C-alpha atoms as a PDB file:
ATOM      1  CA  MET A   1     -53.977  43.965 -22.257  1.00  0.00           C
ATOM      2  CA  ALA A   2     -51.805  45.765 -24.804  1.00  0.00           C
ATOM      3  CA  ASP A   3     -50.415  42.845 -26.807  1.00  0.00           C
ATOM      4  CA  GLY A   4     -52.969  40.221 -25.818  1.00  0.00           C
ATOM      5  CA  GLU A   5     -55.512  38.533 -27.977  1.00  0.00           C
ATOM      6  CA  ARG A   6     -59.272  38.233 -27.722  1.00  0.00           C
ATOM      7  CA  ILE A   7     -61.688  35.752 -29.179  1.00  0.00           C
ATOM      8  CA  ARG A   8     -65.472  35.716 -29.269  1.00  0.00           C
ATOM      9  CA  GLU A   9     -67.332  32.443 -29.029  1.00  0.00           C
ATOM     10  CA  SER A  10     -70.980  31.684 -29.643  1.00  0.00           C
ATOM     11  CA  LEU A  11     -72.524  29.201 -27.246  1.00  0.00           C
ATOM     12  CA  GLN A  12     -74.788  26.408 -28.398  1.00  0.00           C
ATOM     13  CA  GLY A  13     -75.999  25.610 -24.884  1.00  0.00           C
ATOM     14  CA  PRO A  14     -75.582  26.811 -21.306  1.00  0.00           C
ATOM     15  CA  LEU A  15     -72.177  28.004 -20.132  1.00  0.00           C
ATOM     16  CA  GLU A  16     -70.643  25.174 -18.116  1.00  0.00           C
ATOM     17  CA  ALA A  17     -68.305  25.840 -15.184  1.00  0.00           C
ATOM     18  CA  ALA A  18     -65.995  23.067 -16.413  1.00  0.00           C
ATOM     19  CA  TYR A  19     -65.596  24.819 -19.773  1.00  0.00           C
ATOM     20  CA  VAL A  20     -64.745  28.129 -18.051  1.00  0.00           C
ATOM     21  CA  LYS A  21     -62.168  26.365 -15.861  1.00  0.00           C
ATOM     22  CA  GLN A  22     -60.654  24.646 -18.928  1.00  0.00           C
ATOM     23  CA  ARG A  23     -60.266  27.995 -20.755  1.00  0.00           C
ATOM     24  CA  GLU A  24     -58.744  29.628 -17.629  1.00  0.00           C
ATOM     25  CA  GLN A  25     -56.184  26.822 -17.368  1.00  0.00           C
ATOM     26  CA  ALA A  26     -55.271  27.506 -20.989  1.00  0.00           C
ATOM     27  CA  GLY A  27     -54.429  31.101 -20.009  1.00  0.00           C
ATOM     28  CA  TRP A  28     -57.679  32.811 -20.978  1.00  0.00           C
ATOM     29  CA  LYS A  29     -59.578  35.249 -18.757  1.00  0.00           C
ATOM     30  CA  LEU A  30     -63.334  35.767 -19.012  1.00  0.00           C
ATOM     31  CA  VAL A  31     -63.873  39.496 -19.704  1.00  0.00           C
ATOM     32  CA  ALA A  32     -67.483  39.790 -20.913  1.00  0.00           C
ATOM     33  CA  VAL A  33     -70.804  38.023 -21.073  1.00  0.00           C
ATOM     34  CA  GLU A  34     -73.496  38.892 -23.604  1.00  0.00           C
ATOM     35  CA  TRP A  35     -77.130  37.976 -22.972  1.00  0.00           C
ATOM     36  CA  GLU A  36     -79.920  37.608 -25.506  1.00  0.00           C
ATOM     37  CA  ARG A  37     -83.619  36.803 -25.441  1.00  0.00           C
ATOM     38  CA  ALA A  38     -86.471  36.826 -27.896  1.00  0.00           C
ATOM     39  CA  ALA A  39     -88.196  40.205 -28.112  1.00  0.00           C
ATOM     40  CA  ALA A  40     -91.890  40.426 -27.423  1.00  0.00           C
ATOM     41  CA  ALA A  41     -93.798  41.433 -30.559  1.00  0.00           C
ATOM     42  CA  PRO A  42     -95.073  45.021 -30.265  1.00  0.00           C
ATOM     43  CA  ALA A  43     -98.835  45.487 -30.545  1.00  0.00           C
ATOM     44  CA  VAL A  44     -98.361  48.497 -32.843  1.00  0.00           C
ATOM     45  CA  ALA A  45     -95.359  49.173 -35.026  1.00  0.00           C
ATOM     46  CA  ALA A  46     -93.097  51.604 -33.214  1.00  0.00           C
ATOM     47  CA  PRO A  47     -92.085  54.781 -35.053  1.00  0.00           C
ATOM     48  CA  PRO A  48     -88.446  55.014 -36.120  1.00  0.00           C
ATOM     49  CA  ALA A  49     -86.147  55.946 -33.279  1.00  0.00           C
ATOM     50  CA  GLU A  50     -85.213  59.628 -33.227  1.00  0.00           C
ATOM     51  CA  PRO A  51     -82.113  61.036 -31.596  1.00  0.00           C
ATOM     52  CA  ALA A  52     -82.713  62.236 -28.062  1.00  0.00           C
ATOM     53  CA  ALA A  53     -83.553  65.923 -27.853  1.00  0.00           C
ATOM     54  CA  GLY A  54     -80.543  68.092 -27.127  1.00  0.00           C
ATOM     55  CA  LEU A  55     -77.999  65.522 -28.325  1.00  0.00           C
ATOM     56  CA  GLU A  56     -75.770  66.362 -31.243  1.00  0.00           C
ATOM     57  CA  ASP A  57     -72.512  65.181 -32.740  1.00  0.00           C
ATOM     58  CA  ALA A  58     -69.278  66.777 -31.656  1.00  0.00           C
ATOM     59  CA  PRO A  59     -68.160  69.473 -34.102  1.00  0.00           C
ATOM     60  CA  PHE A  60     -66.013  68.133 -36.926  1.00  0.00           C
ATOM     61  CA  GLY A  61     -62.392  67.979 -35.804  1.00  0.00           C
ATOM     62  CA  LEU A  62     -63.347  67.168 -32.212  1.00  0.00           C
ATOM     63  CA  ARG A  63     -64.438  64.067 -30.333  1.00  0.00           C
ATOM     64  CA  VAL A  64     -65.702  63.246 -26.861  1.00  0.00           C
ATOM     65  CA  ALA A  65     -62.742  62.695 -24.541  1.00  0.00           C
ATOM     66  CA  GLY A  66     -62.239  59.434 -22.686  1.00  0.00           C
ATOM     67  CA  ASP A  67     -63.612  60.945 -19.478  1.00  0.00           C
ATOM     68  CA  CYS A  68     -66.855  61.834 -21.333  1.00  0.00           C
ATOM     69  CA  GLU A  69     -66.752  65.308 -19.805  1.00  0.00           C
ATOM     70  CA  HIS A  70     -65.117  67.415 -22.492  1.00  0.00           C
ATOM     71  CA  LEU A  71     -64.107  67.486 -26.154  1.00  0.00           C
ATOM     72  CA  GLU A  72     -60.635  66.875 -27.517  1.00  0.00           C
ATOM     73  CA  GLN A  73     -59.120  67.120 -30.985  1.00  0.00           C
ATOM     74  CA  ASN A  74     -59.769  64.235 -33.344  1.00  0.00           C
ATOM     75  CA  PRO A  75     -56.364  63.786 -35.038  1.00  0.00           C
ATOM     76  CA  ALA A  76     -57.733  62.188 -38.233  1.00  0.00           C
ATOM     77  CA  GLU A  77     -60.359  64.904 -38.720  1.00  0.00           C
ATOM     78  CA  MET A  78     -57.830  67.637 -37.993  1.00  0.00           C
ATOM     79  CA  GLN A  79     -55.545  66.171 -40.680  1.00  0.00           C
ATOM     80  CA  PHE A  80     -58.492  66.304 -43.069  1.00  0.00           C
ATOM     81  CA  LEU A  81     -59.126  69.964 -42.203  1.00  0.00           C
ATOM     82  CA  LEU A  82     -55.444  70.855 -42.638  1.00  0.00           C
ATOM     83  CA  SER A  83     -55.403  69.142 -46.038  1.00  0.00           C
ATOM     84  CA  MET A  84     -58.644  70.846 -47.046  1.00  0.00           C
ATOM     85  CA  MET A  85     -57.268  74.245 -46.010  1.00  0.00           C
ATOM     86  CA  GLU A  86     -54.082  73.610 -47.949  1.00  0.00           C
ATOM     87  CA  LEU A  87     -56.002  72.761 -51.131  1.00  0.00           C
ATOM     88  CA  ILE A  88     -58.411  75.675 -50.832  1.00  0.00           C
ATOM     89  CA  ILE A  89     -55.570  78.158 -50.329  1.00  0.00           C
ATOM     90  CA  GLN A  90     -54.095  76.856 -53.591  1.00  0.00           C
ATOM     91  CA  ASP A  91     -57.364  77.970 -55.244  1.00  0.00           C
ATOM     92  CA  ILE A  92     -58.314  74.455 -56.320  1.00  0.00           C
ATOM     93  CA  SER A  93     -61.960  73.862 -57.260  1.00  0.00           C
ATOM     94  CA  LEU A  94     -64.174  72.052 -54.760  1.00  0.00           C
ATOM     95  CA  VAL A  95     -64.536  69.150 -57.192  1.00  0.00           C
ATOM     96  CA  LYS A  96     -60.753  68.716 -57.307  1.00  0.00           C
ATOM     97  CA  VAL A  97     -60.485  69.256 -53.522  1.00  0.00           C
ATOM     98  CA  ALA A  98     -62.962  66.402 -52.968  1.00  0.00           C
ATOM     99  CA  GLU A  99     -61.095  64.159 -55.420  1.00  0.00           C
ATOM    100  CA  GLU A 100     -57.756  64.859 -53.734  1.00  0.00           C
ATOM    101  CA  LEU A 101     -59.109  64.291 -50.226  1.00  0.00           C
ATOM    102  CA  ASN A 102     -60.591  60.969 -51.345  1.00  0.00           C
ATOM    103  CA  ARG A 103     -57.287  60.035 -53.028  1.00  0.00           C
ATOM    104  CA  LYS A 104     -55.540  60.671 -49.694  1.00  0.00           C
ATOM    105  CA  GLY A 105     -57.951  58.229 -48.032  1.00  0.00           C
ATOM    106  CA  PHE A 106     -60.097  60.700 -46.088  1.00  0.00           C
ATOM    107  CA  ARG A 107     -63.729  59.693 -45.560  1.00  0.00           C
ATOM    108  CA  THR A 108     -66.751  61.349 -43.984  1.00  0.00           C
ATOM    109  CA  ARG A 109     -67.856  60.347 -40.501  1.00  0.00           C
ATOM    110  CA  LYS A 110     -70.291  57.922 -42.141  1.00  0.00           C
ATOM    111  CA  GLY A 111     -67.482  56.344 -44.172  1.00  0.00           C
ATOM    112  CA  ALA A 112     -68.541  57.826 -47.519  1.00  0.00           C
ATOM    113  CA  GLU A 113     -66.269  59.538 -50.005  1.00  0.00           C
ATOM    114  CA  TRP A 114     -66.160  63.316 -50.042  1.00  0.00           C
ATOM    115  CA  GLY A 115     -68.017  65.131 -52.783  1.00  0.00           C
ATOM    116  CA  PRO A 116     -67.958  68.823 -53.706  1.00  0.00           C
ATOM    117  CA  VAL A 117     -71.198  69.497 -51.785  1.00  0.00           C
ATOM    118  CA  ALA A 118     -69.862  67.808 -48.628  1.00  0.00           C
ATOM    119  CA  VAL A 119     -66.640  69.821 -48.922  1.00  0.00           C
ATOM    120  CA  PHE A 120     -68.681  73.015 -49.405  1.00  0.00           C
ATOM    121  CA  ASN A 121     -70.749  72.176 -46.304  1.00  0.00           C
ATOM    122  CA  MET A 122     -67.509  71.817 -44.338  1.00  0.00           C
ATOM    123  CA  LEU A 123     -66.406  75.403 -45.170  1.00  0.00           C
ATOM    124  CA  PRO A 124     -68.151  77.060 -42.166  1.00  0.00           C
ATOM    125  CA  ARG A 125     -66.364  74.666 -39.797  1.00  0.00           C
ATOM    126  CA  LEU A 126     -63.066  75.334 -41.554  1.00  0.00           C
ATOM    127  CA  ILE A 127     -63.610  79.096 -41.232  1.00  0.00           C
ATOM    128  CA  GLU A 128     -64.425  78.658 -37.544  1.00  0.00           C
ATOM    129  CA  LEU A 129     -61.151  76.772 -36.990  1.00  0.00           C
ATOM    130  CA  THR A 130     -58.960  79.003 -39.187  1.00  0.00           C
ATOM    131  CA  PRO A 131     -57.348  80.960 -36.298  1.00  0.00           C
ATOM    132  CA  GLN A 132     -56.532  77.711 -34.508  1.00  0.00           C
ATOM    133  CA  ILE A 133     -55.196  76.114 -37.701  1.00  0.00           C
ATOM    134  CA  PHE A 134     -53.018  79.121 -38.587  1.00  0.00           C
ATOM    135  CA  ASN A 135     -51.393  78.990 -35.129  1.00  0.00           C
ATOM    136  CA  ASN A 136     -50.742  75.241 -35.389  1.00  0.00           C
ATOM    137  CA  GLU A 137     -47.054  74.277 -35.723  1.00  0.00           C
ATOM    138  CA  GLU A 138     -47.886  71.695 -38.386  1.00  0.00           C
ATOM    139  CA  TRP A 139     -49.637  74.366 -40.443  1.00  0.00           C
ATOM    140  CA  LEU A 140     -46.630  76.687 -40.164  1.00  0.00           C
ATOM    141  CA  GLU A 141     -44.487  73.898 -41.626  1.00  0.00           C
ATOM    142  CA  ARG A 142     -47.002  73.070 -44.388  1.00  0.00           C
ATOM    143  CA  ARG A 143     -47.313  76.737 -45.322  1.00  0.00           C
ATOM    144  CA  LYS A 144     -43.641  76.830 -46.297  1.00  0.00           C
ATOM    145  CA  HIS A 145     -44.370  74.333 -49.080  1.00  0.00           C
ATOM    146  CA  LEU A 146     -47.385  76.126 -50.534  1.00  0.00           C
ATOM    147  CA  SER A 147     -46.931  78.096 -53.709  1.00  0.00           C
ATOM    148  CA  LEU A 148     -48.215  81.649 -53.529  1.00  0.00           C
ATOM    149  CA  VAL A 149     -51.378  82.323 -55.509  1.00  0.00           C
ATOM    150  CA  TYR A 150     -51.793  85.772 -57.037  1.00  0.00           C
END
């Protein structure tokens, strides 16, 4: 439903068939049901949940594809990496790089602002992607606007 609308309602009692029929007649379609129950109290406090062994985040600049079988480029993260590369090539300090990336609205995967340490920690990933970035058509266009640093 590309241009449709969705609403979420909380129920105060059981879902009545008459209510569902009334909503359907108004043009709505039931698309999900969410169930809830009280949790049984654990006998012993459970340790904090740890990520499953062998699972890790996709490398920065990539995301899991819709088919969940391979990785694809994450456009927003690739824009971040292109901007970071552009600033580093201009020999700007990591503090200023972080400030500029934040000014452009880029955020970490956790939604935090970039700091110089986070930018520094991103350098190995940027180095890994450098051949791919340098062959990117967008980079070739951006490179024309960079001033040469001697």
